[in-house]
Amino acid sequence: MLREFKQFILRGSVVDLAVAVIIGAAFGAVITALVADF
């Protein structure tokens, strides 16, 4: 499990993961703002 995870990260998927985290954070902020408005 850990070895596969390491290979997954070393394959350059760190960028994909970072992008996903950023998009998730931005999406969460938008949802929070919308909910706060209503």
Protein backbone atom coordinates (compact mmCIF):
# COMPACT_ATOMS: atom_id res chain seq x y z
CA MET A 1 0.00 0.00 0.00
CA LEU A 2 2.68 2.48 1.07
CA ARG A 3 5.01 1.50 -1.79
CA GLU A 4 2.25 2.01 -4.37
CA PHE A 5 1.41 5.34 -2.82
CA LYS A 6 5.07 6.37 -3.07
CA GLN A 7 5.22 5.38 -6.74
CA PHE A 8 2.00 7.28 -7.36
CA ILE A 9 3.50 10.43 -5.83
CA LEU A 10 6.87 10.04 -7.55
CA ARG A 11 5.15 9.77 -10.93
CA GLY A 12 4.60 13.53 -10.93
CA SER A 13 1.11 13.26 -9.52
CA VAL A 14 2.08 15.71 -6.78
CA VAL A 15 1.11 18.51 -9.16
CA ASP A 16 -2.28 16.88 -9.77
CA LEU A 17 -2.77 16.49 -6.04
CA ALA A 18 -1.84 20.12 -5.39
CA VAL A 19 -4.25 21.32 -8.08
CA ALA A 20 -7.02 19.16 -6.62
CA VAL A 21 -6.38 20.56 -3.13
CA ILE A 22 -6.41 24.15 -4.42
CA ILE A 23 -9.62 23.58 -6.38
CA GLY A 24 -11.19 21.90 -3.36
CA ALA A 25 -10.23 24.80 -1.09
CA ALA A 26 -11.56 27.38 -3.57
CA PHE A 27 -14.78 25.39 -4.02
CA GLY A 28 -15.21 25.18 -0.25
CA ALA A 29 -14.72 28.94 0.07
CA VAL A 30 -17.34 29.61 -2.62
CA ILE A 31 -19.85 27.28 -0.95
CA THR A 32 -19.21 28.92 2.43
CA ALA A 33 -19.74 32.39 0.94
CA LEU A 34 -22.98 31.32 -0.74
CA VAL A 35 -24.31 29.74 2.44
CA ALA A 36 -23.36 32.83 4.46
CA ASP A 37 -25.28 35.06 2.03
CA PHE A 38 -28.46 33.03 2.44
